[in-house]
Protein backbone atom coordinates (compact mmCIF):
# COMPACT_ATOMS: atom_id res chain seq x y z
CA MET A 1 0.11 0.45 -0.30
CA THR A 2 1.31 3.06 -1.18
CA GLY A 3 -2.15 5.25 0.23
CA THR A 4 -1.82 9.97 -0.06
CA LEU A 5 0.25 12.19 2.11
CA PRO A 6 -0.99 12.52 5.55
CA THR A 7 -3.89 15.00 6.21
CA THR A 8 -2.14 16.28 9.40
CA ALA A 9 -1.39 20.18 9.07
CA GLY A 10 2.07 22.02 9.23
CA PRO A 11 1.91 24.49 12.21
CA ASP A 12 -0.39 26.56 10.88
CA GLY A 13 -3.11 24.34 10.78
CA GLN A 14 -2.65 24.56 6.84
CA ARG A 15 -1.37 21.09 5.46
CA PRO A 16 1.20 22.53 2.61
CA PRO A 17 0.96 20.54 -1.27
CA PRO A 18 3.36 18.23 -1.14
CA THR A 19 5.80 19.55 -4.51
CA GLN A 20 6.46 22.50 -2.47
CA GLN A 21 9.35 22.58 0.55
CA GLY A 22 8.46 21.06 4.55
CA SER A 23 5.29 18.60 2.93
CA HIS A 24 7.30 16.01 3.41
CA ASP A 25 8.42 16.78 6.77
CA LEU A 26 4.77 15.29 7.79
CA LEU A 27 5.59 11.85 7.14
CA ALA A 28 8.29 11.60 10.38
CA ASP A 29 5.14 12.08 12.16
CA ALA A 30 2.67 9.68 10.74
CA PRO A 31 1.48 6.51 11.73
CA ARG A 32 2.25 3.46 10.40
CA VAL A 33 0.17 0.72 9.25
CA ASP A 34 1.14 -2.37 10.73
CA GLU A 35 1.25 -5.99 9.00
CA ALA A 36 -2.51 -6.00 9.36
CA GLY A 37 -3.53 -3.05 8.04
CA VAL A 38 -5.13 -1.46 9.82
CA GLY A 39 -4.98 1.72 11.88
CA GLY A 40 -2.04 4.56 10.26
CA ALA A 41 -2.48 7.19 8.57
CA ARG A 42 -4.33 5.83 4.96
CA GLY A 43 -2.04 2.88 5.15
CA PHE A 44 0.90 5.24 4.22
CA ARG A 45 4.17 2.53 4.02
CA PRO A 46 7.14 5.31 2.93
CA GLU A 47 9.28 1.25 2.44
CA ARG A 48 6.64 0.66 -0.06
CA THR A 49 6.93 3.94 -1.62
CA LEU A 50 9.35 3.37 -5.18
CA ARG A 51 11.17 0.00 -4.93
CA LEU A 52 14.47 0.02 -6.59
CA ARG A 53 13.30 -3.92 -8.33
CA VAL A 54 10.88 -0.80 -9.95
CA GLU A 55 13.93 1.69 -10.19
CA PHE A 56 15.40 -0.50 -11.58
CA ALA A 57 13.05 -2.09 -14.06
CA ARG A 58 11.95 1.87 -15.15
CA GLN A 59 15.51 2.81 -16.02
CA LEU A 60 16.92 -0.72 -17.95
CA ARG A 61 13.81 -0.28 -20.23
CA ARG A 62 14.64 3.47 -21.43
CA ARG A 63 16.20 3.69 -24.93
CA ARG A 64 19.39 5.31 -24.01
CA THR A 65 20.13 2.23 -21.68
CA TYR A 66 19.60 0.10 -25.00
CA LEU A 67 21.65 2.49 -26.84
CA VAL A 68 24.74 2.79 -24.03
CA GLY A 69 24.66 -0.68 -23.54
CA LEU A 70 24.38 -1.04 -28.24
CA VAL A 71 28.04 0.97 -27.59
CA LEU A 72 29.95 -0.90 -24.68
CA LEU A 73 29.20 -4.23 -27.33
CA LEU A 74 31.19 -2.92 -30.85
CA LEU A 75 33.73 -0.18 -29.17
CA PRO A 76 36.11 -3.50 -28.31
CA PRO A 77 35.73 -4.90 -31.06
CA ILE A 78 36.08 -1.23 -33.32
CA ILE A 79 39.38 -0.43 -31.20
CA ALA A 80 40.37 -4.38 -31.69
CA LEU A 81 39.91 -3.96 -36.23
CA ALA A 82 41.31 -0.86 -36.06
CA PHE A 83 44.60 -2.02 -34.77
CA GLN A 84 44.11 -4.97 -37.08
CA VAL A 85 44.33 -2.68 -40.43
CA SER A 86 46.90 -0.40 -39.09
CA SER A 87 50.02 -0.53 -39.87
CA PRO A 88 52.92 -1.17 -37.75
CA GLY A 89 54.73 1.85 -36.27
CA SER A 90 51.32 3.82 -38.12
CA GLY A 91 50.69 5.87 -34.67
CA SER A 92 48.27 5.32 -32.28
CA SER A 93 47.95 7.71 -29.78
CA ARG A 94 45.81 9.93 -27.88
CA SER A 95 45.34 13.39 -29.21
CA ASP A 96 46.20 14.56 -25.67
CA GLY A 97 50.11 13.78 -27.01
CA SER A 98 50.68 11.30 -24.25
CA TYR A 99 53.79 10.12 -23.14
CA SER A 100 51.79 7.15 -22.14
CA GLY A 101 48.93 6.67 -24.39
CA GLN A 102 51.88 6.53 -26.93
CA LEU A 103 52.49 3.60 -24.94
CA LEU A 104 50.22 1.89 -24.25
CA ALA A 105 48.60 2.27 -27.63
CA GLU A 106 52.19 0.22 -28.74
CA LEU A 107 51.66 -2.67 -26.47
CA ALA A 108 47.35 -3.27 -27.04
CA THR A 109 48.10 -5.77 -29.99
CA GLN A 110 50.23 -7.40 -27.47
CA GLY A 111 47.63 -9.77 -25.30
CA ALA A 112 44.00 -9.27 -24.11
CA VAL A 113 44.64 -7.74 -20.69
CA ASN A 114 47.31 -4.30 -22.68
CA PHE A 115 44.35 -4.07 -25.01
CA ALA A 116 41.29 -4.08 -21.96
CA LEU A 117 44.02 -1.44 -20.30
CA PHE A 118 44.09 0.58 -23.81
CA THR A 119 40.75 0.30 -23.75
CA GLU A 120 40.22 1.86 -20.65
CA PHE A 121 43.02 4.74 -21.35
CA ALA A 122 41.61 5.62 -25.04
CA SER A 123 37.62 5.65 -22.40
CA ALA A 124 38.25 7.27 -19.18
CA SER A 125 38.66 10.25 -20.36
CA PHE A 126 35.50 11.19 -22.06
CA LEU A 127 32.92 8.30 -23.39
CA LEU A 128 32.97 6.51 -19.37
CA LEU A 129 32.28 9.98 -18.08
CA VAL A 130 29.54 10.92 -20.57
CA LEU A 131 27.85 7.58 -19.49
CA VAL A 132 28.25 7.99 -16.13
CA ALA A 133 27.07 11.21 -16.45
CA LEU A 134 24.09 10.31 -18.20
CA PHE A 135 22.53 7.90 -16.02
CA CYS A 136 23.37 9.97 -12.84
CA GLY A 137 23.17 13.22 -14.33
CA ASP A 138 19.32 12.21 -15.97
CA THR A 139 17.79 10.60 -13.44
CA VAL A 140 15.87 13.56 -12.09
CA ALA A 141 16.05 15.93 -14.61
CA SER A 142 14.10 13.29 -16.56
CA GLU A 143 11.12 13.33 -14.24
CA ALA A 144 10.89 16.85 -14.06
CA SER A 145 10.88 17.19 -17.62
CA TRP A 146 8.52 14.58 -18.18
CA SER A 147 6.45 15.81 -14.74
CA SER A 148 5.72 13.12 -13.35
CA LEU A 149 8.58 14.20 -10.93
CA ARG A 150 5.59 15.34 -8.98
CA TYR A 151 3.04 12.74 -9.26
CA LEU A 152 5.99 10.71 -7.67
CA LEU A 153 5.74 13.61 -4.82
CA VAL A 154 1.48 13.50 -4.70
CA ILE A 155 2.19 9.34 -3.85
CA PRO A 156 4.14 10.02 -1.77
CA VAL A 157 7.11 8.99 -1.76
CA PRO A 158 9.58 11.07 0.47
CA ARG A 159 12.14 13.63 -0.80
CA GLY A 160 14.60 11.42 1.00
CA ARG A 161 13.80 7.56 -0.17
CA LEU A 162 13.70 9.52 -4.10
CA LEU A 163 16.62 11.07 -4.66
CA ARG A 164 18.45 7.80 -2.30
CA GLN A 165 16.86 5.03 -4.16
CA LYS A 166 17.24 7.11 -7.93
CA LEU A 167 21.33 7.59 -7.08
CA ILE A 168 21.99 3.85 -5.57
CA VAL A 169 20.28 2.70 -9.34
CA ALA A 170 22.64 5.23 -10.75
CA LEU A 171 25.37 4.67 -9.21
CA THR A 172 24.72 0.91 -9.66
CA LEU A 173 24.98 1.19 -13.19
CA SER A 174 27.04 3.60 -13.69
CA LEU A 175 29.26 1.10 -11.74
CA GLY A 176 28.40 -1.74 -14.56
CA VAL A 177 28.93 0.77 -17.17
CA ASN A 178 32.68 0.36 -15.98
CA VAL A 179 33.52 -3.51 -15.31
CA LEU A 180 31.91 -3.53 -18.47
CA LEU A 181 33.24 -2.22 -20.97
CA PRO A 182 37.41 -3.14 -20.17
CA ALA A 183 35.86 -7.41 -18.67
CA TRP A 184 34.35 -7.41 -22.99
CA ALA A 185 37.43 -5.42 -23.95
CA LEU A 186 39.47 -8.42 -21.99
CA LEU A 187 37.62 -10.91 -23.99
CA VAL A 188 37.18 -9.69 -27.45
CA GLY A 189 41.39 -8.74 -26.52
CA GLY A 190 41.68 -12.21 -26.13
CA MET A 191 40.00 -13.09 -28.98
CA PHE A 192 41.80 -10.98 -31.04
CA PHE A 193 45.34 -11.57 -30.10
CA GLY A 194 45.78 -14.23 -27.74
CA TRP A 195 46.27 -13.93 -23.76
CA ALA A 196 49.81 -13.67 -23.72
CA PRO A 197 51.32 -12.46 -20.52
CA GLY A 198 50.20 -8.62 -19.96
CA GLN A 199 53.64 -5.97 -20.25
CA SER A 200 54.29 -3.21 -18.23
CA PRO A 201 54.98 0.37 -20.60
CA LEU A 202 57.90 1.29 -18.29
CA GLY A 203 59.21 -2.42 -19.05
CA GLY A 204 59.07 -5.83 -17.60
CA THR A 205 55.67 -8.56 -17.66
CA PHE A 206 52.97 -9.52 -15.16
CA THR A 207 52.38 -13.42 -14.34
CA THR A 208 48.35 -13.92 -15.72
CA GLY A 209 47.17 -13.33 -12.14
CA GLU A 210 48.91 -10.47 -11.68
CA GLY A 211 47.77 -9.59 -15.27
CA LEU A 212 44.71 -9.54 -13.62
CA THR A 213 45.07 -7.51 -10.82
CA ARG A 214 46.44 -5.03 -12.03
CA LEU A 215 43.84 -3.96 -14.78
CA LEU A 216 40.82 -5.20 -11.26
CA ILE A 217 42.68 -2.47 -8.97
CA VAL A 218 43.04 0.41 -12.64
CA VAL A 219 39.07 -0.70 -12.88
CA GLY A 220 38.79 -0.29 -9.55
CA TYR A 221 40.10 3.76 -9.23
CA ALA A 222 38.40 4.53 -12.70
CA SER A 223 35.35 3.82 -10.72
CA VAL A 224 36.28 5.56 -7.73
CA GLN A 225 37.21 8.55 -10.12
CA SER A 226 33.90 8.75 -11.83
CA LEU A 227 32.07 9.65 -8.11
CA LEU A 228 33.33 13.54 -9.61
CA VAL A 229 31.91 13.60 -13.05
CA ALA A 230 28.02 11.37 -11.13
CA SER A 231 27.75 13.63 -8.25
CA LEU A 232 28.32 16.86 -10.29
CA ALA A 233 25.78 15.47 -12.99
CA PHE A 234 23.12 14.74 -9.61
CA LEU A 235 23.47 18.00 -8.13
CA ILE A 236 22.62 19.63 -12.23
CA GLY A 237 19.46 17.20 -12.58
CA VAL A 238 18.08 18.11 -9.02
CA LEU A 239 18.63 22.06 -10.45
CA THR A 240 17.20 22.10 -13.49
CA ASP A 241 14.55 20.38 -15.63
CA ALA A 242 16.85 19.79 -18.68
CA PRO A 243 18.45 16.42 -18.53
CA LEU A 244 20.84 17.32 -21.16
CA GLY A 245 22.12 19.94 -19.66
CA ALA A 246 22.90 17.96 -16.24
CA VAL A 247 24.85 15.03 -18.38
CA GLY A 248 27.09 18.73 -20.19
CA GLY A 249 27.30 21.21 -17.20
CA ALA A 250 28.78 18.06 -15.80
CA ILE A 251 31.09 17.18 -18.43
CA LEU A 252 31.95 20.96 -18.96
CA VAL A 253 33.00 21.24 -15.46
CA VAL A 254 34.95 18.02 -15.71
CA ILE A 255 36.82 19.65 -19.10
CA LEU A 256 37.72 23.33 -17.62
CA SER A 257 39.26 21.27 -14.43
CA GLY A 258 40.98 19.50 -16.63
CA ILE A 259 41.71 22.29 -19.21
CA LEU A 260 43.43 24.19 -15.48
CA ASP A 261 44.90 21.12 -14.49
CA SER A 262 47.60 21.64 -17.75
CA ILE A 263 48.88 24.70 -16.76
CA THR A 264 51.97 24.41 -15.69
CA ALA A 265 52.03 27.90 -14.23
CA LEU A 266 49.54 27.11 -10.98
CA GLY A 267 51.79 25.10 -9.93
CA ASP A 268 51.29 22.88 -6.72
CA TYR A 269 47.83 24.56 -6.56
CA ARG A 270 47.02 22.02 -9.86
CA GLN A 271 46.70 18.99 -7.19
CA PHE A 272 43.00 21.10 -5.92
CA LEU A 273 41.42 20.60 -9.18
CA PRO A 274 39.39 17.74 -9.04
CA THR A 275 40.74 16.04 -11.70
CA HIS A 276 44.57 16.53 -11.07
CA PHE A 277 44.65 12.56 -10.05
CA GLN A 278 42.79 11.48 -12.70
CA TYR A 279 45.22 8.85 -14.64
CA ALA A 280 47.05 7.78 -11.47
CA TRP A 281 46.23 4.72 -11.92
CA LEU A 282 48.71 4.60 -14.83
CA ASP A 283 51.55 3.71 -11.92
CA ALA A 284 49.35 0.73 -11.18
CA VAL A 285 50.63 -0.48 -14.55
CA ALA A 286 54.12 0.50 -13.63
CA PRO A 287 56.61 -2.55 -12.39
CA THR A 288 55.88 -1.98 -8.80
CA VAL A 289 52.68 -0.51 -7.75
CA GLN A 290 52.16 3.53 -6.67
CA TRP A 291 50.18 3.47 -4.41
CA ASP A 292 50.34 7.21 -3.54
CA GLY A 293 49.17 9.38 -6.39
CA MET A 294 46.04 6.59 -6.64
CA MET A 295 45.03 7.34 -2.57
CA ARG A 296 45.44 11.14 -3.51
CA GLY A 297 43.31 10.93 -5.86
CA THR A 298 40.60 9.21 -4.40
CA GLY A 299 40.42 10.57 -0.66
CA SER A 300 39.81 14.16 -2.62
CA VAL A 301 36.91 12.64 -5.25
CA LEU A 302 35.47 11.52 -1.89
CA VAL A 303 35.63 15.27 -0.60
CA TYR A 304 34.48 16.52 -3.17
CA SER A 305 31.54 13.77 -4.20
CA ALA A 306 30.24 14.20 -0.48
CA VAL A 307 29.87 17.38 -0.99
CA PHE A 308 28.35 17.89 -3.82
CA PHE A 309 25.57 14.80 -2.67
CA ALA A 310 24.82 17.00 -0.01
CA LEU A 311 24.48 19.79 -2.15
CA ALA A 312 21.62 18.13 -3.77
CA TRP A 313 19.99 16.33 -0.90
CA TRP A 314 19.96 19.91 0.14
CA ARG A 315 18.50 21.74 -2.71
CA PHE A 316 15.61 18.78 -3.20
CA HIS A 317 14.12 19.34 0.46
CA ARG A 318 14.06 23.36 -0.09
CA LYS A 319 12.93 24.16 -3.89
CA ASP A 320 9.17 23.80 -5.05
CA ILE A 321 8.44 21.48 -7.47
CA VAL A 322 6.34 23.18 -10.36
CA SER A 323 7.17 22.65 -13.25
């Protein structure tokens, strides 16, 4: 039973509409329904509203989810075919000319692990960020653009629960994207280039188990770093009714941070930029794993993300849903 908003009045004796700020504070004082369904405020039980399986089903059936799955399915084979048809030494590096990118590209055809590492490097700076921003920025803003956000609040779904359920689903899908792409790239790389031991771009080789461990560290760190764009997109999605605005705004902030990080004149101030340690996972493919950069990058992202998520909660509880 979901029921309707309890009739408990506020301090002024009037019950505010459920789409206005403060109205759902009355839910905390509403009596609950027992298992027999007697008593309580019209059968209201907040834990039965917007269940995770319902939200998962809604998001998985959306067209954008199918398109994301198609992109993830096609990208590794396309990259592998590009390496197959390219001539040796034809030059395959990132547009930013990074030395690490060149080395990973040169080793990409030397086995499944190296191919998966290159695919991760080529995707982490933009594609994966866009997909994460899409899942996290679209989840609330799309409801507002469809005018269905008002109806979720009228059911009533408590505002905190609404954000929590949507964020859990969005972050789960984002994690799925970050894990599925390198996992699929590993399989595709094995089919195209074999299962030779992984090689470090700085020299040396890894056993199969060690190579997979290094890849797992890379994927884990990249997933943590994606929290930055996830929290930014989620915050902007709460502030706007335009899903594309939330996605584009989060990506724009990340790009600007990357541009500022490339200005060496800023010196040590660059360490406070949220994207400064974005590629610290490259320390995981060195002959010996260097944890310092990844630890600092993880701490920085967790602080920024906590602030952005807190701002999203604060703002959503204090805005009227009128669109």
